[in-house]
Amino acid sequence: MPLTLVILAAGMSSRYGGGMKQTDAVGPRGETLLDYGVFDAVRAGFTRIVFVIRPEIEEHFRERIARLPAGVTGACVHQALGQVPPGFALPAARRKPWGTGHAVLAAAGVDSPFVVVNADDFYGASAYGAMAGHLRRHRDARPPRFALVGYRLRDTLSTHGGVSRAVCRLGTANRVTSVIEVFDLIQTGNRVTGRTPDGEARAFSGDELVSMSIWGFTPAIFKMLDARFAAFLRDRGADPKAEFLLPTAVSDMIGTGEADLIALAAGETWCGMTSRQDRGEVRARIAAMVSRGDYPAPLFP
């Protein structure tokens, strides 16, 4: 059964202080975090790679497609502001990307079970292995049985500023009952504080399970997302800063019973680059894994 990896790489890197963190080198031979993600996915059996990008950065990703191993295909798809459902027009004041839910809709041509990841996050080999196993077991489940790999909130914070995380509530048998995006999360004493998209202040212990934007879906997600994006545009499309967030959309799907969402355990600790100051820590982490023999250098022959 073919499995596809969809890498969200269209972000503007606004909190990174300039440059493209999607293609910033962190490995000993110039490898990027997305290169390590591709390597781990291929080891887990993924044979298709789709990069969701902005048109102006396509050249960088065509180079990566050319380096993919034999038997693995790659493609670029564009996330553009003008990609809205029939009957809607792009608001004149809109400059900001529509958000992660819209980014996934850009990959609507994918016709196999797939995993969505961020280009600037490291999840580890076990995360891709767990996702591959889940998608193979549940590809025909009704309702669709989606998945996320969960991490403890305190293990995903940055010492260099606030971060955004999707905080999960768990029911029985590792079923996720709700997901809420929380922004500006930062350690404050023994608590982690942040705010919801509506501006509500929230406090957490740090033990909460969060999604780091590694999701497992079947193509059934696209019809559900499309309907919710249309509703979002009707309700909030005139707000130039409003975002169509993937966690919010998925939470609504499981709330209505259209889909189940299962939390899979992470075998490694997450790391990623929100700000440029995170880069040194990420490089040290990668160097240690290469030294242990977890990854070759160079990553791809």
Protein backbone atom coordinates (compact mmCIF):
# COMPACT_ATOMS: atom_id res chain seq x y z
CA MET A 1 0.00 0.00 0.00
CA PRO A 2 1.54 3.35 -0.99
CA LEU A 3 2.06 5.86 1.81
CA THR A 4 2.62 9.57 1.20
CA LEU A 5 4.49 12.13 3.28
CA VAL A 6 3.13 15.69 2.97
CA ILE A 7 5.61 18.29 4.21
CA LEU A 8 4.24 21.76 5.02
CA ALA A 9 6.97 24.14 3.91
CA ALA A 10 5.15 27.27 2.74
CA GLY A 11 5.60 29.21 5.99
CA MET A 12 7.02 32.72 6.00
CA SER A 13 9.48 32.07 8.90
CA SER A 14 8.38 35.37 10.45
CA ARG A 15 9.57 34.43 13.95
CA TYR A 16 12.88 33.12 12.64
CA GLY A 17 14.32 36.54 11.96
CA GLY A 18 14.74 36.28 8.20
CA GLY A 19 15.86 33.57 5.84
CA MET A 20 14.19 30.21 5.21
CA LYS A 21 14.32 27.90 8.19
CA GLN A 22 12.85 25.14 6.01
CA THR A 23 16.19 24.93 4.19
CA ASP A 24 18.54 25.97 7.01
CA ALA A 25 21.37 23.45 7.48
CA VAL A 26 21.51 21.62 10.81
CA GLY A 27 23.32 18.39 9.88
CA PRO A 28 27.07 17.83 9.50
CA ARG A 29 26.86 17.74 5.69
CA GLY A 30 24.36 20.56 5.28
CA GLU A 31 21.24 18.45 5.91
CA THR A 32 18.01 20.20 6.94
CA LEU A 33 15.37 19.01 9.39
CA LEU A 34 13.08 18.14 6.51
CA ASP A 35 15.87 15.96 5.05
CA TYR A 36 15.90 13.93 8.28
CA GLY A 37 12.12 13.65 8.13
CA VAL A 38 12.26 12.32 4.58
CA PHE A 39 14.99 9.85 5.57
CA ASP A 40 12.93 8.51 8.50
CA ALA A 41 9.75 8.32 6.41
CA VAL A 42 11.47 6.37 3.64
CA ARG A 43 12.83 3.92 6.22
CA ALA A 44 9.24 3.46 7.47
CA GLY A 45 7.99 2.61 3.98
CA PHE A 46 6.77 5.93 2.55
CA THR A 47 7.28 6.10 -1.21
CA ARG A 48 5.80 9.49 -2.12
CA ILE A 49 6.90 12.91 -0.87
CA VAL A 50 4.79 16.03 -1.47
CA PHE A 51 6.14 19.47 -0.57
CA VAL A 52 3.52 22.18 0.08
CA ILE A 53 5.34 25.40 -0.76
CA ARG A 54 5.06 28.95 -2.03
CA PRO A 55 5.75 29.24 -5.79
CA GLU A 56 8.75 31.51 -5.31
CA ILE A 57 10.72 28.90 -3.32
CA GLU A 58 10.08 25.91 -5.60
CA GLU A 59 13.67 25.77 -6.89
CA HIS A 60 14.97 24.82 -3.43
CA PHE A 61 12.62 21.85 -3.28
CA ARG A 62 13.17 20.65 -6.83
CA GLU A 63 16.78 20.12 -5.79
CA ARG A 64 15.61 17.91 -2.91
CA ILE A 65 13.32 15.90 -5.14
CA ALA A 66 16.29 15.17 -7.41
CA ARG A 67 18.13 13.64 -4.42
CA LEU A 68 15.35 11.27 -3.35
CA PRO A 69 16.31 7.57 -3.22
CA ALA A 70 15.39 5.22 -6.03
CA GLY A 71 11.77 4.10 -5.78
CA VAL A 72 10.65 7.31 -4.02
CA THR A 73 8.79 9.96 -6.02
CA GLY A 74 8.44 13.64 -5.17
CA ALA A 75 6.24 16.56 -6.17
CA CYS A 76 5.67 20.20 -5.26
CA VAL A 77 2.23 21.74 -4.81
CA HIS A 78 1.58 25.41 -4.15
CA GLN A 79 -0.31 27.03 -1.31
CA ALA A 80 -1.53 30.38 -2.60
CA LEU A 81 -3.89 32.98 -1.12
CA GLY A 82 -6.17 32.80 -4.15
CA GLN A 83 -6.96 29.11 -3.61
CA VAL A 84 -10.50 29.46 -2.24
CA PRO A 85 -13.66 27.41 -2.93
CA PRO A 86 -16.00 28.35 -5.79
CA GLY A 87 -18.22 31.28 -4.88
CA PHE A 88 -15.58 33.01 -2.76
CA ALA A 89 -13.14 35.75 -3.66
CA LEU A 90 -9.83 36.72 -2.10
CA PRO A 91 -10.41 39.69 0.24
CA ALA A 92 -8.44 42.74 -0.89
CA ALA A 93 -6.83 43.20 2.53
CA ARG A 94 -5.61 39.60 2.83
CA ARG A 95 -1.80 39.25 2.96
CA LYS A 96 -1.31 36.53 5.58
CA PRO A 97 -1.43 32.82 4.58
CA TRP A 98 -4.74 31.13 5.36
CA GLY A 99 -3.21 28.67 7.85
CA THR A 100 -2.37 24.99 8.27
CA GLY A 101 -5.82 23.68 7.32
CA HIS A 102 -5.54 25.51 4.00
CA ALA A 103 -2.00 24.17 3.53
CA VAL A 104 -3.24 20.58 3.77
CA LEU A 105 -5.99 21.34 1.24
CA ALA A 106 -3.25 22.30 -1.22
CA ALA A 107 -2.30 18.59 -1.25
CA ALA A 108 -5.85 17.46 -2.12
CA GLY A 109 -4.56 15.44 -5.08
CA VAL A 110 -3.05 12.86 -2.72
CA ASP A 111 -5.01 9.61 -3.18
CA SER A 112 -3.38 7.36 -0.56
CA PRO A 113 -3.11 7.40 3.25
CA PHE A 114 -0.68 10.14 4.20
CA VAL A 115 1.19 11.80 7.03
CA VAL A 116 1.44 15.58 7.42
CA VAL A 117 4.52 17.12 9.06
CA ASN A 118 6.13 20.53 9.44
CA ALA A 119 9.34 21.13 7.52
CA ASP A 120 11.06 22.67 10.55
CA ASP A 121 10.34 19.94 13.13
CA PHE A 122 12.20 16.72 14.01
CA TYR A 123 9.96 13.85 15.15
CA GLY A 124 12.22 10.79 15.11
CA ALA A 125 12.15 7.45 13.31
CA SER A 126 9.67 5.85 15.72
CA ALA A 127 7.04 8.52 14.97
CA TYR A 128 7.05 7.66 11.26
CA GLY A 129 7.05 3.94 12.03
CA ALA A 130 4.04 4.30 14.34
CA MET A 131 2.18 6.34 11.74
CA ALA A 132 2.91 3.86 8.95
CA GLY A 133 1.58 1.00 11.06
CA HIS A 134 -1.56 2.91 12.02
CA LEU A 135 -2.36 3.93 8.44
CA ARG A 136 -1.90 0.40 7.15
CA ARG A 137 -4.14 -1.08 9.85
CA HIS A 138 -6.93 1.48 9.57
CA ARG A 139 -6.92 2.62 5.95
CA ASP A 140 -10.53 1.41 5.41
CA ALA A 141 -11.96 2.29 8.85
CA ARG A 142 -15.42 3.87 8.96
CA PRO A 143 -15.58 6.51 10.24
CA PRO A 144 -12.02 7.39 9.22
CA ARG A 145 -9.53 6.78 12.01
CA PHE A 146 -6.99 9.58 11.90
CA ALA A 147 -3.95 9.78 14.16
CA LEU A 148 -1.44 12.14 15.73
CA VAL A 149 1.83 11.50 17.52
CA GLY A 150 1.65 13.09 20.95
CA TYR A 151 4.39 14.72 23.01
CA ARG A 152 4.40 16.11 26.55
CA LEU A 153 3.94 19.87 26.54
CA ARG A 154 6.93 20.58 28.78
CA ASP A 155 9.21 18.73 26.33
CA THR A 156 8.22 20.97 23.42
CA LEU A 157 8.81 24.46 24.83
CA SER A 158 11.48 26.88 23.71
CA THR A 159 13.76 28.83 26.05
CA HIS A 160 13.83 31.64 23.47
CA GLY A 161 10.19 32.75 23.43
CA GLY A 162 6.58 31.65 23.16
CA VAL A 163 5.44 28.80 20.91
CA SER A 164 2.14 27.49 19.55
CA ARG A 165 0.96 23.97 20.36
CA ALA A 166 -2.23 21.96 19.84
CA VAL A 167 -3.26 20.73 23.30
CA CYS A 168 -5.19 17.42 23.30
CA ARG A 169 -7.77 15.96 25.66
CA LEU A 170 -7.75 12.18 25.86
CA GLY A 171 -10.61 9.76 26.42
CA THR A 172 -10.40 5.98 26.61
CA ALA A 173 -8.19 3.76 24.45
CA ASN A 174 -6.00 6.73 23.45
CA ARG A 175 -8.86 8.41 21.62
CA VAL A 176 -8.51 12.17 21.42
CA THR A 177 -11.76 13.92 22.33
CA SER A 178 -10.73 17.52 21.54
CA VAL A 179 -7.80 19.56 20.27
CA ILE A 180 -7.27 23.27 20.85
CA GLU A 181 -4.53 25.46 19.42
CA VAL A 182 -2.80 27.55 22.11
CA PHE A 183 -0.45 30.40 21.25
CA ASP A 184 2.47 32.08 23.07
CA LEU A 185 3.08 29.14 25.39
CA ILE A 186 5.91 29.86 27.79
CA GLN A 187 7.16 28.41 31.09
CA THR A 188 6.20 30.64 34.02
CA GLY A 189 7.42 29.13 37.30
CA ASN A 190 5.77 25.73 37.67
CA ARG A 191 3.12 26.50 35.08
CA VAL A 192 2.93 26.90 31.33
CA THR A 193 0.78 29.81 30.22
CA GLY A 194 -0.65 30.73 26.82
CA ARG A 195 -3.73 32.03 25.03
CA THR A 196 -6.38 30.51 22.80
CA PRO A 197 -7.23 31.86 19.31
CA ASP A 198 -10.02 33.87 20.99
CA GLY A 199 -7.52 35.53 23.34
CA GLU A 200 -8.50 33.54 26.44
CA ALA A 201 -5.62 33.03 28.89
CA ARG A 202 -4.87 29.39 29.74
CA ALA A 203 -2.54 27.73 32.24
CA PHE A 204 -1.17 24.18 32.04
CA SER A 205 0.88 21.86 34.22
CA GLY A 206 3.22 20.83 31.40
CA ASP A 207 2.08 17.18 31.51
CA GLU A 208 -0.57 17.71 28.85
CA LEU A 209 -0.35 15.84 25.56
CA VAL A 210 0.23 18.08 22.55
CA SER A 211 0.33 17.61 18.82
CA MET A 212 3.49 18.82 17.11
CA SER A 213 1.77 18.81 13.72
CA ILE A 214 2.49 15.22 12.77
CA TRP A 215 -0.88 13.89 11.64
CA GLY A 216 -2.03 10.72 9.89
CA PHE A 217 -4.97 10.99 7.49
CA THR A 218 -6.76 9.24 4.66
CA PRO A 219 -7.98 11.15 1.58
CA ALA A 220 -11.39 11.39 3.31
CA ILE A 221 -10.01 14.41 5.17
CA PHE A 222 -10.09 16.61 2.08
CA LYS A 223 -13.87 16.76 1.69
CA MET A 224 -14.27 17.49 5.42
CA LEU A 225 -11.61 20.22 5.30
CA ASP A 226 -13.09 21.82 2.21
CA ALA A 227 -16.50 22.16 3.84
CA ARG A 228 -14.96 23.70 6.96
CA PHE A 229 -12.80 26.09 4.97
CA ALA A 230 -15.91 27.38 3.21
CA ALA A 231 -17.62 27.87 6.59
CA PHE A 232 -14.50 29.65 7.88
CA LEU A 233 -14.53 32.03 4.91
CA ARG A 234 -18.20 32.83 5.46
CA ASP A 235 -17.67 33.54 9.16
CA ARG A 236 -14.17 35.02 9.33
CA GLY A 237 -12.86 35.49 5.81
CA ALA A 238 -13.02 39.28 6.06
CA ASP A 239 -10.57 39.29 8.99
CA PRO A 240 -7.11 39.72 7.38
CA LYS A 241 -5.40 37.95 10.29
CA ALA A 242 -7.78 35.00 10.82
CA GLU A 243 -6.28 31.54 10.20
CA PHE A 244 -7.96 28.28 9.22
CA LEU A 245 -6.19 26.03 11.72
CA LEU A 246 -5.85 22.28 11.12
CA PRO A 247 -6.19 21.30 14.83
CA THR A 248 -9.43 23.28 15.12
CA ALA A 249 -10.86 21.65 12.01
CA VAL A 250 -9.88 18.12 13.11
CA SER A 251 -11.29 18.74 16.59
CA ASP A 252 -14.62 19.66 14.98
CA MET A 253 -14.55 16.48 12.89
CA ILE A 254 -14.15 14.25 15.93
CA GLY A 255 -16.73 16.30 17.83
CA THR A 256 -19.35 15.64 15.14
CA GLY A 257 -18.42 11.96 14.88
CA GLU A 258 -17.23 12.24 11.29
CA ALA A 259 -13.81 10.87 12.26
CA ASP A 260 -11.92 9.28 15.15
CA LEU A 261 -8.52 10.55 16.26
CA ILE A 262 -5.99 8.27 17.96
CA ALA A 263 -2.94 9.48 19.90
CA LEU A 264 0.19 7.44 19.16
CA ALA A 265 3.17 7.40 21.52
CA ALA A 266 6.38 9.20 20.58
CA GLY A 267 9.57 7.18 20.93
CA GLU A 268 11.94 10.14 20.70
CA THR A 269 11.93 13.68 22.03
CA TRP A 270 10.77 16.32 19.60
CA CYS A 271 12.94 19.25 18.58
CA GLY A 272 12.41 22.09 16.16
CA MET A 273 13.22 25.65 15.20
CA THR A 274 10.76 28.39 16.05
CA SER A 275 13.37 31.13 16.46
CA ARG A 276 16.92 31.42 15.15
CA GLN A 277 18.23 30.89 18.70
CA ASP A 278 16.86 27.34 18.61
CA ARG A 279 19.25 26.40 15.79
CA GLY A 280 22.30 25.74 18.01
CA GLU A 281 20.38 23.30 20.22
CA VAL A 282 18.97 21.50 17.19
CA ARG A 283 22.41 21.19 15.60
CA ALA A 284 23.85 19.73 18.82
CA ARG A 285 21.00 17.22 18.99
CA ILE A 286 21.53 16.11 15.39
CA ALA A 287 25.30 15.87 15.89
CA ALA A 288 24.81 13.58 18.90
CA MET A 289 22.50 11.26 16.92
CA VAL A 290 24.96 11.10 14.02
CA SER A 291 27.76 10.33 16.48
CA ARG A 292 25.71 7.44 17.94
CA GLY A 293 25.16 6.03 14.47
CA ASP A 294 21.42 6.80 14.37
CA TYR A 295 21.90 8.63 11.05
CA PRO A 296 24.61 8.42 8.40
CA ALA A 297 26.61 11.41 7.20
CA PRO A 298 25.97 12.33 4.48
CA LEU A 299 22.32 11.49 4.98
CA PHE A 300 21.72 10.59 1.32
CA PRO A 301 24.48 9.15 -0.87
